[in-house]
């Protein structure tokens, strides 16, 4: 099975601790705020903070120090207090996000071999780690959220788990393999056809009201597979991420509950496309 190669990034440098701290704190605050803006009934439909921060800790060795993780924790608690969280249950809810970042980062970093500077991991193992982390961390998060909002736990847990899992599998692959180079640079017009088909498929899905449902399968899956075969790995991950975000926003517009089933086509398309990449090159 094709493996992702996660190379170390050098945006954060050992000799710039103040810069590292400010950027890490600001990134956490910005992503927390973004997640709070995309909510339905006080539940985030898309929470990018966990996956992005996990990716940063995985790719930047310099951030794997206690004081940087402490900065991340303080930034999360600062955001929680800034939006009006005062009870112990509300604060403990945010610790489920902190646990998610720590657990997912640790599992993926453990894939690194001592003699290599990079990490190689299969798509299956990456998604399995996202699944295990979502199962483990969505439980405490849902429990403390249900306590603070007086909602039945079993109504919250499936929604929380679905968001944790789908957001991580959409965002994490791109964060782990993206580089400073522009990921999408078509050299001729015909190379725009797959991404054009994806845009048309999304438009039809929205127009027909199938966004966020199993109807998305027939609309988006062929286009995403074609993109996966035609474009580079970072570009494929980026297009899958953007398509997923559109689907989540459409679920919000329809004021419906989130469902893992609504995003399964996106996950399947990414898996099959990435597996075929070696054959297409």
Protein backbone atom coordinates (compact mmCIF):
# COMPACT_ATOMS: atom_id res chain seq x y z
CA UNK A 1 0.00 0.00 0.00
CA UNK A 2 1.21 3.48 -0.87
CA UNK A 3 2.79 5.38 2.03
CA UNK A 4 2.79 9.05 2.84
CA UNK A 5 6.23 10.49 3.47
CA UNK A 6 6.11 13.16 6.17
CA UNK A 7 9.20 15.35 5.91
CA UNK A 8 10.29 17.69 8.72
CA UNK A 9 9.35 21.35 8.27
CA UNK A 10 11.53 24.29 9.31
CA UNK A 11 9.07 27.15 9.70
CA UNK A 12 9.65 27.11 13.47
CA UNK A 13 13.35 27.41 14.33
CA UNK A 14 15.20 26.63 17.54
CA UNK A 15 16.89 30.04 17.60
CA UNK A 16 13.57 31.97 17.50
CA UNK A 17 11.67 30.92 20.64
CA UNK A 18 9.69 34.16 20.92
CA UNK A 19 8.56 33.97 17.30
CA UNK A 20 7.62 30.32 17.77
CA UNK A 21 5.57 31.09 20.87
CA UNK A 22 3.71 34.02 19.31
CA UNK A 23 2.88 32.16 16.10
CA UNK A 24 1.79 29.02 17.99
CA UNK A 25 -0.43 31.04 20.33
CA UNK A 26 -1.91 33.12 17.50
CA UNK A 27 -2.56 30.06 15.33
CA UNK A 28 -4.37 28.31 18.17
CA UNK A 29 -6.54 31.37 18.86
CA UNK A 30 -7.38 31.86 15.17
CA UNK A 31 -8.34 28.21 14.63
CA UNK A 32 -10.37 28.12 17.84
CA UNK A 33 -12.27 31.21 16.70
CA UNK A 34 -12.86 29.71 13.24
CA UNK A 35 -14.32 26.57 14.79
CA UNK A 36 -16.62 28.62 17.03
CA UNK A 37 -17.97 30.50 14.01
CA UNK A 38 -19.07 27.31 12.23
CA UNK A 39 -21.55 25.96 14.75
CA UNK A 40 -25.04 24.52 14.80
CA UNK A 41 -26.90 24.40 18.11
CA UNK A 42 -23.69 25.25 20.00
CA UNK A 43 -21.87 22.26 18.44
CA UNK A 44 -18.98 22.92 16.05
CA UNK A 45 -19.58 21.50 12.58
CA UNK A 46 -15.93 21.91 11.60
CA UNK A 47 -13.14 22.16 14.17
CA UNK A 48 -9.80 22.61 12.36
CA UNK A 49 -7.71 23.39 15.45
CA UNK A 50 -7.04 19.81 16.52
CA UNK A 51 -5.85 18.46 13.17
CA UNK A 52 -3.77 21.53 12.27
CA UNK A 53 -2.04 21.69 15.67
CA UNK A 54 -1.38 17.95 15.61
CA UNK A 55 0.19 18.38 12.18
CA UNK A 56 2.41 21.21 13.40
CA UNK A 57 3.68 19.20 16.36
CA UNK A 58 4.33 16.20 14.10
CA UNK A 59 6.26 18.09 11.42
CA UNK A 60 8.20 20.51 13.62
CA UNK A 61 10.62 18.76 15.94
CA UNK A 62 11.39 22.02 17.70
CA UNK A 63 7.77 22.23 18.93
CA UNK A 64 8.00 18.87 20.68
CA UNK A 65 9.03 20.51 23.93
CA UNK A 66 7.05 20.89 27.11
CA UNK A 67 6.94 24.69 27.09
CA UNK A 68 5.52 24.85 23.56
CA UNK A 69 2.78 22.38 24.38
CA UNK A 70 2.08 24.44 27.50
CA UNK A 71 1.65 27.51 25.28
CA UNK A 72 -0.87 25.57 23.22
CA UNK A 73 -2.78 24.60 26.37
CA UNK A 74 -2.77 28.19 27.68
CA UNK A 75 -3.97 29.50 24.31
CA UNK A 76 -6.85 27.01 24.32
CA UNK A 77 -7.88 27.93 27.86
CA UNK A 78 -7.55 31.64 27.03
CA UNK A 79 -9.99 31.19 24.13
CA UNK A 80 -12.37 29.21 26.32
CA UNK A 81 -12.43 31.95 28.96
CA UNK A 82 -12.69 34.68 26.31
CA UNK A 83 -15.92 33.22 24.90
CA UNK A 84 -17.49 33.07 28.34
CA UNK A 85 -16.72 29.55 29.59
CA UNK A 86 -16.66 29.68 33.37
CA UNK A 87 -17.81 26.31 34.67
CA UNK A 88 -15.46 23.40 35.30
CA UNK A 89 -17.37 21.25 32.79
CA UNK A 90 -16.87 23.79 30.00
CA UNK A 91 -13.16 24.05 30.70
CA UNK A 92 -12.80 20.26 30.83
CA UNK A 93 -14.50 20.07 27.44
CA UNK A 94 -11.55 21.94 25.96
CA UNK A 95 -9.14 19.47 27.54
CA UNK A 96 -10.60 16.81 25.26
CA UNK A 97 -9.24 18.85 22.35
CA UNK A 98 -5.85 19.09 24.04
CA UNK A 99 -5.89 15.32 24.60
CA UNK A 100 -6.80 14.79 20.92
CA UNK A 101 -3.77 16.77 19.73
CA UNK A 102 -1.42 15.01 22.16
CA UNK A 103 -2.70 11.49 21.42
CA UNK A 104 -2.79 11.80 17.63
CA UNK A 105 0.63 13.47 17.48
CA UNK A 106 2.20 10.80 19.69
CA UNK A 107 0.80 7.89 17.65
CA UNK A 108 2.00 9.27 14.32
CA UNK A 109 5.41 10.34 15.64
CA UNK A 110 5.87 6.81 17.00
CA UNK A 111 5.92 5.61 13.36
CA UNK A 112 9.29 7.30 12.86
CA UNK A 113 12.32 5.03 12.70
CA UNK A 114 15.44 6.03 14.59
CA UNK A 115 17.70 6.06 11.55
CA UNK A 116 15.40 8.24 9.43
CA UNK A 117 14.59 11.95 9.63
CA UNK A 118 11.18 11.51 8.01
CA UNK A 119 8.06 9.52 8.86
CA UNK A 120 6.46 7.01 6.52
CA UNK A 121 2.89 5.95 7.19
CA UNK A 122 0.18 4.28 5.14
CA UNK A 123 -3.14 5.98 4.55
CA UNK A 124 -4.85 3.11 6.36
CA UNK A 125 -2.77 3.57 9.51
CA UNK A 126 -3.17 7.35 9.39
CA UNK A 127 -6.95 7.08 9.18
CA UNK A 128 -6.94 4.36 11.84
CA UNK A 129 -5.10 6.67 14.23
CA UNK A 130 -7.63 9.43 13.48
CA UNK A 131 -10.45 6.98 14.20
CA UNK A 132 -8.97 5.73 17.47
CA UNK A 133 -8.24 9.26 18.67
CA UNK A 134 -11.75 10.41 17.79
CA UNK A 135 -13.31 7.46 19.63
CA UNK A 136 -11.19 8.06 22.74
CA UNK A 137 -11.38 11.85 22.96
CA UNK A 138 -14.93 12.52 21.80
CA UNK A 139 -16.22 10.56 24.81
CA UNK A 140 -14.93 12.92 27.54
CA UNK A 141 -15.66 15.95 25.36
CA UNK A 142 -19.26 14.88 24.81
CA UNK A 143 -19.70 13.98 28.47
CA UNK A 144 -18.55 17.34 29.83
CA UNK A 145 -20.44 19.20 27.08
CA UNK A 146 -23.64 17.34 27.98
CA UNK A 147 -23.14 18.26 31.65
CA UNK A 148 -22.64 21.95 30.98
CA UNK A 149 -25.53 22.21 28.47
CA UNK A 150 -27.94 19.73 30.10
CA UNK A 151 -28.17 17.55 26.97
CA UNK A 152 -28.34 13.77 26.73
CA UNK A 153 -24.84 12.31 26.23
CA UNK A 154 -25.92 9.84 23.52
CA UNK A 155 -27.32 12.67 21.43
CA UNK A 156 -24.02 14.51 21.53
CA UNK A 157 -21.45 11.70 21.24
CA UNK A 158 -22.23 10.57 17.62
CA UNK A 159 -22.12 14.18 16.42
CA UNK A 160 -18.90 14.92 18.31
CA UNK A 161 -17.23 11.74 17.10
CA UNK A 162 -18.29 12.38 13.50
CA UNK A 163 -16.85 15.89 13.55
CA UNK A 164 -13.58 14.81 15.18
CA UNK A 165 -13.00 11.98 12.73
CA UNK A 166 -14.06 13.63 9.48
CA UNK A 167 -12.24 16.89 10.22
CA UNK A 168 -8.99 15.09 11.04
CA UNK A 169 -9.02 12.86 7.94
CA UNK A 170 -9.78 15.85 5.73
CA UNK A 171 -7.19 18.25 7.16
CA UNK A 172 -4.33 16.13 8.48
CA UNK A 173 -3.06 14.58 5.20
CA UNK A 174 -2.67 18.02 3.63
CA UNK A 175 -0.97 19.54 6.69
CA UNK A 176 1.47 16.61 6.91
CA UNK A 177 2.68 16.69 3.30
CA UNK A 178 2.23 20.28 2.10
CA UNK A 179 5.37 22.23 1.25
CA UNK A 180 6.22 25.86 0.63
CA UNK A 181 5.89 25.24 -3.09
CA UNK A 182 2.57 25.96 -4.76
CA UNK A 183 0.74 22.61 -4.76
CA UNK A 184 -1.30 23.21 -7.92
CA UNK A 185 0.46 24.49 -11.03
CA UNK A 186 -1.32 23.37 -14.22
CA UNK A 187 0.80 23.70 -17.35
CA UNK A 188 -1.99 23.31 -19.90
CA UNK A 189 -5.73 23.83 -20.12
CA UNK A 190 -6.68 20.16 -20.16
CA UNK A 191 -5.17 19.70 -16.70
CA UNK A 192 -7.91 21.96 -15.38
CA UNK A 193 -10.66 19.57 -16.48
CA UNK A 194 -10.63 17.34 -13.34
CA UNK A 195 -10.81 20.27 -10.91
CA UNK A 196 -13.45 21.87 -13.14
CA UNK A 197 -15.49 18.69 -12.97
CA UNK A 198 -15.16 18.71 -9.18
CA UNK A 199 -16.45 22.29 -9.02
CA UNK A 200 -19.39 21.40 -11.28
CA UNK A 201 -20.14 18.29 -9.20
CA UNK A 202 -20.20 20.35 -6.01
CA UNK A 203 -22.45 22.93 -7.65
CA UNK A 204 -24.89 20.23 -8.78
CA UNK A 205 -24.79 18.63 -5.34
CA UNK A 206 -25.69 21.96 -3.74
CA UNK A 207 -28.34 22.83 -6.32
CA UNK A 208 -30.08 19.46 -6.00
CA UNK A 209 -29.96 19.49 -2.21
CA UNK A 210 -27.84 16.35 -1.91
CA UNK A 211 -24.92 18.04 -0.15
CA UNK A 212 -24.17 16.32 3.14
CA UNK A 213 -26.12 13.18 2.17
CA UNK A 214 -25.45 9.89 0.42
CA UNK A 215 -26.41 11.62 -2.84
CA UNK A 216 -22.99 13.24 -2.67
CA UNK A 217 -21.46 9.87 -3.55
CA UNK A 218 -22.68 9.91 -7.12
CA UNK A 219 -21.89 13.61 -7.53
CA UNK A 220 -18.39 14.05 -6.12
CA UNK A 221 -16.67 10.67 -5.95
CA UNK A 222 -15.81 10.32 -9.69
CA UNK A 223 -14.41 13.85 -9.84
CA UNK A 224 -12.26 13.39 -6.73
CA UNK A 225 -10.85 10.10 -8.01
CA UNK A 226 -9.97 11.75 -11.33
CA UNK A 227 -8.26 14.59 -9.44
CA UNK A 228 -6.32 12.04 -7.39
CA UNK A 229 -5.07 10.32 -10.54
CA UNK A 230 -4.26 13.55 -12.39
CA UNK A 231 -2.67 15.76 -9.74
CA UNK A 232 0.05 15.53 -7.13
CA UNK A 233 -0.55 14.18 -3.65
CA UNK A 234 -0.68 17.62 -1.92
CA UNK A 235 -3.09 18.90 -4.55
CA UNK A 236 -5.33 15.86 -4.10
CA UNK A 237 -5.42 16.37 -0.34
CA UNK A 238 -6.15 20.09 -0.75
CA UNK A 239 -9.04 19.49 -3.17
CA UNK A 240 -10.49 16.81 -0.89
CA UNK A 241 -10.24 19.23 2.05
CA UNK A 242 -11.96 22.04 0.15
CA UNK A 243 -14.73 19.73 -1.05
CA UNK A 244 -15.23 18.53 2.52
CA UNK A 245 -15.46 22.07 3.87
CA UNK A 246 -18.13 22.90 1.28
CA UNK A 247 -20.10 19.83 2.34
CA UNK A 248 -19.91 20.83 6.01
CA UNK A 249 -21.06 24.37 5.25
CA UNK A 250 -23.97 23.02 3.24
CA UNK A 251 -25.00 20.85 6.17
CA UNK A 252 -24.99 24.02 8.28
CA UNK A 253 -27.13 25.89 5.74
CA UNK A 254 -29.69 23.09 5.76
CA UNK A 255 -29.68 23.26 9.59
CA UNK A 256 -29.31 19.52 9.76
CA UNK A 257 -27.30 17.30 12.06
CA UNK A 258 -23.87 16.15 11.00
CA UNK A 259 -23.46 12.56 9.97
CA UNK A 260 -20.36 10.54 9.30
CA UNK A 261 -22.15 9.00 6.34
CA UNK A 262 -22.29 12.38 4.65
CA UNK A 263 -18.50 12.50 4.48
CA UNK A 264 -17.73 8.84 3.76
CA UNK A 265 -17.59 9.50 -0.01
CA UNK A 266 -14.86 12.08 0.53
CA UNK A 267 -12.82 9.66 2.62
CA UNK A 268 -13.28 6.78 0.17
CA UNK A 269 -12.29 8.95 -2.78
CA UNK A 270 -9.10 10.06 -1.07
CA UNK A 271 -8.11 6.49 -0.15
CA UNK A 272 -8.71 5.08 -3.62
CA UNK A 273 -7.12 8.03 -5.35
CA UNK A 274 -3.96 7.90 -3.24
CA UNK A 275 -3.65 4.16 -3.79
CA UNK A 276 -3.80 4.67 -7.54
CA UNK A 277 -1.28 7.48 -7.63
CA UNK A 278 1.78 5.20 -8.07
CA UNK A 279 0.04 3.59 -11.07
CA UNK A 280 -0.79 6.94 -12.60
CA UNK A 281 2.74 8.30 -12.43
